[in-house]
N, C-alpha and C. Protein backbone atom coordinates (compact mmCIF):
# COMPACT_ATOMS: atom_id res chain seq x y z
N MET A 1 244.21 86.53 14.02
CA MET A 1 244.00 85.26 14.83
C MET A 1 242.99 84.26 14.39
N ALA A 2 243.26 83.17 14.27
CA ALA A 2 242.39 82.12 13.73
C ALA A 2 241.44 81.40 14.65
N LYS A 3 240.21 81.15 14.32
CA LYS A 3 239.42 80.43 15.15
C LYS A 3 239.01 79.12 14.40
N GLY A 4 238.90 77.93 14.92
CA GLY A 4 238.45 76.79 14.27
C GLY A 4 237.12 76.27 14.77
N HIS A 5 236.66 75.41 13.99
CA HIS A 5 235.48 74.65 14.25
C HIS A 5 235.73 73.27 13.71
N VAL A 6 235.55 72.16 14.54
CA VAL A 6 235.89 70.88 14.23
C VAL A 6 234.52 70.04 14.12
N VAL A 7 234.27 69.26 13.04
CA VAL A 7 233.23 68.40 13.14
C VAL A 7 233.60 66.90 12.92
N VAL A 8 233.21 66.15 13.81
CA VAL A 8 233.63 64.71 13.93
C VAL A 8 232.40 63.89 13.30
N ASP A 9 232.59 63.20 12.30
CA ASP A 9 231.55 62.25 11.73
C ASP A 9 231.63 61.00 12.71
N SER A 10 230.59 60.87 13.70
CA SER A 10 230.65 59.78 14.83
C SER A 10 230.43 58.50 13.97
N GLU A 11 229.86 58.35 12.85
CA GLU A 11 229.67 57.09 12.32
C GLU A 11 230.80 56.59 11.49
N ARG A 12 231.85 57.54 11.09
CA ARG A 12 232.94 57.01 10.50
C ARG A 12 234.18 56.78 11.34
N CYS A 13 234.15 57.46 12.62
CA CYS A 13 235.21 57.42 13.64
C CYS A 13 235.14 56.04 14.19
N LYS A 14 236.49 55.44 14.43
CA LYS A 14 236.74 54.29 15.01
C LYS A 14 237.49 54.35 16.38
N GLY A 15 237.54 55.45 16.87
CA GLY A 15 237.98 55.70 18.34
C GLY A 15 239.47 55.49 18.39
N CYS A 16 240.30 55.74 17.53
CA CYS A 16 241.65 55.32 17.40
C CYS A 16 242.48 56.26 18.30
N GLU A 17 242.00 57.47 18.63
CA GLU A 17 242.43 58.48 19.59
C GLU A 17 243.79 59.35 19.06
N LEU A 18 244.09 59.09 17.68
CA LEU A 18 245.29 59.86 17.15
C LEU A 18 244.99 61.22 17.16
N CYS A 19 243.75 61.66 17.09
CA CYS A 19 243.31 63.13 16.91
C CYS A 19 243.63 63.70 18.43
N ILE A 20 243.20 62.98 19.42
CA ILE A 20 243.48 63.55 20.76
C ILE A 20 245.00 63.95 21.11
N GLY A 21 245.68 62.91 20.69
CA GLY A 21 247.19 63.15 20.74
C GLY A 21 247.81 64.37 20.11
N VAL A 22 247.31 64.68 18.89
CA VAL A 22 247.83 65.62 18.14
C VAL A 22 247.36 67.05 18.28
N CYS A 23 246.18 67.24 19.02
CA CYS A 23 245.59 68.32 19.10
C CYS A 23 246.35 69.41 20.19
N PRO A 24 246.94 70.32 19.69
CA PRO A 24 247.90 71.27 20.52
C PRO A 24 246.99 72.09 21.66
N LYS A 25 245.72 72.09 21.38
CA LYS A 25 244.83 72.81 22.43
C LYS A 25 243.95 71.91 23.20
N GLY A 26 244.15 70.76 23.01
CA GLY A 26 243.33 69.65 23.84
C GLY A 26 241.83 69.88 23.76
N SER A 27 241.50 70.11 22.52
CA SER A 27 239.99 70.53 22.07
C SER A 27 239.24 69.16 21.79
N ILE A 28 239.87 67.90 21.71
CA ILE A 28 239.35 66.73 21.38
C ILE A 28 239.28 65.66 22.39
N HIS A 29 238.26 65.05 22.85
CA HIS A 29 238.14 64.09 23.70
C HIS A 29 237.40 62.92 23.25
N MET A 30 237.28 61.71 24.10
CA MET A 30 236.55 60.54 23.82
C MET A 30 235.13 60.77 24.26
N SER A 31 234.12 60.56 23.39
CA SER A 31 232.81 60.66 23.95
C SER A 31 232.35 59.45 24.97
N GLU A 32 231.27 59.78 25.52
CA GLU A 32 230.73 58.74 26.61
C GLU A 32 229.99 57.63 25.93
N GLY A 33 229.36 58.05 24.68
CA GLY A 33 228.67 57.05 23.98
C GLY A 33 229.15 56.31 22.84
N PHE A 34 228.71 55.53 22.30
CA PHE A 34 229.13 54.44 21.14
C PHE A 34 228.37 54.93 19.90
N ASN A 35 228.89 54.57 18.76
CA ASN A 35 228.29 54.88 17.55
C ASN A 35 227.71 53.52 17.08
N ALA A 36 227.02 53.43 15.96
CA ALA A 36 226.34 52.23 15.48
C ALA A 36 227.18 51.00 15.40
N LYS A 37 228.47 51.24 15.29
CA LYS A 37 229.42 50.07 15.01
C LYS A 37 230.09 49.62 16.36
N GLY A 38 229.54 50.38 17.40
CA GLY A 38 230.09 50.03 18.65
C GLY A 38 231.41 50.58 19.20
N TYR A 39 231.83 51.62 18.41
CA TYR A 39 233.19 52.42 18.77
C TYR A 39 232.77 53.55 19.57
N ARG A 40 233.66 53.79 20.58
CA ARG A 40 233.52 55.05 21.37
C ARG A 40 234.36 55.95 20.52
N THR A 41 233.63 57.15 20.01
CA THR A 41 234.14 58.23 19.07
C THR A 41 234.91 59.27 19.91
N ALA A 42 235.57 60.11 18.88
CA ALA A 42 236.28 61.35 19.45
C ALA A 42 234.90 62.39 19.28
N VAL A 43 235.06 63.42 20.11
CA VAL A 43 234.33 64.51 20.24
C VAL A 43 234.97 65.68 20.42
N TRP A 44 234.48 66.79 19.67
CA TRP A 44 235.17 68.22 19.80
C TRP A 44 234.80 69.00 21.01
N VAL A 45 235.44 69.44 21.86
CA VAL A 45 235.04 70.01 23.01
C VAL A 45 236.03 71.32 22.95
N ASN A 46 235.29 72.56 22.73
CA ASN A 46 236.04 73.76 22.83
C ASN A 46 235.39 74.78 23.59
N PRO A 47 235.26 74.64 24.92
CA PRO A 47 234.60 75.73 25.77
C PRO A 47 235.16 76.96 25.78
N ASP A 48 236.54 77.01 25.67
CA ASP A 48 237.25 78.37 25.91
C ASP A 48 237.60 78.98 24.58
N GLY A 49 237.07 78.28 23.45
CA GLY A 49 237.53 78.87 22.09
C GLY A 49 238.94 78.81 21.67
N ALA A 50 239.66 77.76 22.27
CA ALA A 50 241.11 77.60 21.85
C ALA A 50 241.40 77.13 20.64
N CYS A 51 240.57 76.42 19.99
CA CYS A 51 240.92 75.87 18.65
C CYS A 51 241.22 76.80 17.70
N THR A 52 242.25 76.61 16.97
CA THR A 52 242.71 77.62 16.02
C THR A 52 242.45 77.08 14.57
N GLY A 53 242.10 75.92 14.39
CA GLY A 53 241.61 75.37 12.94
C GLY A 53 242.97 74.94 12.46
N CYS A 54 244.05 74.33 13.21
CA CYS A 54 245.24 73.99 12.69
C CYS A 54 245.08 72.61 11.79
N ALA A 55 244.06 71.91 11.93
CA ALA A 55 243.58 70.78 11.02
C ALA A 55 244.64 69.59 11.29
N LEU A 56 245.37 69.53 12.34
CA LEU A 56 246.13 68.39 12.64
C LEU A 56 245.39 67.13 12.76
N CYS A 57 244.39 67.23 13.66
CA CYS A 57 243.40 66.29 13.88
C CYS A 57 242.87 65.65 12.58
N ALA A 58 242.51 66.37 11.75
CA ALA A 58 242.00 65.90 10.53
C ALA A 58 243.04 65.18 9.57
N LEU A 59 244.32 65.94 9.64
CA LEU A 59 245.31 65.03 9.01
C LEU A 59 245.79 63.78 9.53
N VAL A 60 245.78 63.43 10.65
CA VAL A 60 246.00 62.15 11.24
C VAL A 60 244.93 61.24 11.14
N CYS A 61 243.63 61.69 10.99
CA CYS A 61 242.63 60.54 11.06
C CYS A 61 242.62 59.61 10.00
N PRO A 62 242.81 58.28 10.14
CA PRO A 62 242.89 57.41 9.14
C PRO A 62 241.44 57.01 8.58
N ASP A 63 240.36 57.51 9.16
CA ASP A 63 239.00 57.34 8.63
C ASP A 63 238.55 58.38 8.09
N THR A 64 239.12 59.57 7.70
CA THR A 64 238.70 60.89 7.32
C THR A 64 237.32 61.23 7.88
N ALA A 65 237.32 60.96 9.22
CA ALA A 65 236.13 61.26 9.98
C ALA A 65 235.91 62.62 10.47
N ILE A 66 237.06 63.69 10.20
CA ILE A 66 237.16 64.89 10.83
C ILE A 66 237.25 65.89 9.69
N ALA A 67 236.40 67.08 10.01
CA ALA A 67 236.51 68.02 8.93
C ALA A 67 236.73 69.43 9.88
N VAL A 68 237.59 70.10 9.27
CA VAL A 68 238.11 71.36 10.03
C VAL A 68 237.71 72.60 9.42
N TYR A 69 237.00 73.43 9.98
CA TYR A 69 236.65 74.75 9.39
C TYR A 69 237.32 75.92 9.99
N ARG A 70 237.92 76.69 9.43
CA ARG A 70 238.83 77.72 9.98
C ARG A 70 238.32 79.08 9.53
N GLU A 71 238.18 80.18 10.40
CA GLU A 71 237.86 81.31 10.27
C GLU A 71 238.95 82.43 10.69
N VAL A 72 239.63 83.14 9.84
CA VAL A 72 240.60 84.26 10.37
C VAL A 72 239.92 85.33 10.69
N VAL A 73 240.22 85.80 12.09
CA VAL A 73 239.53 87.04 12.68
C VAL A 73 240.72 87.93 12.74
N PRO A 74 240.58 89.17 11.97
CA PRO A 74 241.55 90.17 12.11
C PRO A 74 241.68 90.79 13.53
N ARG A 75 242.96 90.93 13.83
CA ARG A 75 243.12 91.51 15.18
C ARG A 75 242.59 92.99 15.33
N VAL A 76 242.20 93.57 16.26
CA VAL A 76 241.62 94.88 16.22
C VAL A 76 242.84 95.90 15.92
N GLY A 77 243.92 95.71 16.55
CA GLY A 77 244.99 96.52 16.23
C GLY A 77 245.56 96.62 14.85
N ALA A 78 245.66 95.46 14.30
CA ALA A 78 246.02 95.04 12.98
C ALA A 78 245.12 95.76 11.90
N ALA A 79 243.83 95.74 12.10
CA ALA A 79 243.01 96.43 11.35
C ALA A 79 243.21 97.98 11.41
N ASN A 80 243.57 98.49 12.37
CA ASN A 80 243.63 100.03 12.57
C ASN A 80 244.98 100.31 11.94
N ALA A 81 246.01 99.55 12.01
CA ALA A 81 247.28 99.69 11.45
C ALA A 81 247.32 99.73 9.90
N ALA A 82 246.53 98.73 9.39
CA ALA A 82 246.34 98.71 7.90
C ALA A 82 245.78 99.66 7.38
N SER A 83 244.83 100.42 8.07
CA SER A 83 243.95 101.64 7.39
C SER A 83 244.84 102.64 7.47
N ASN A 84 246.01 102.92 8.33
CA ASN A 84 246.62 104.11 8.16
C ASN A 84 247.77 104.32 7.25
């Protein structure tokens, strides 16, 4: 199972909302505040740990304001089966 962590560079983000539309887990929302350029930016919200690190958000971002880090966590049953 994969777990993702998304970092949005709020100073590069222009608030186009493309990332919100492609996130299959709904983990990206618009922030309440504004950046130095006056844009309302995207923010990563992942309270239930649903993000898998698919990186669709980073792929569609026209301003390269999103970095995605992915960690693959082996399943407990898969680890036991591999050792047998």
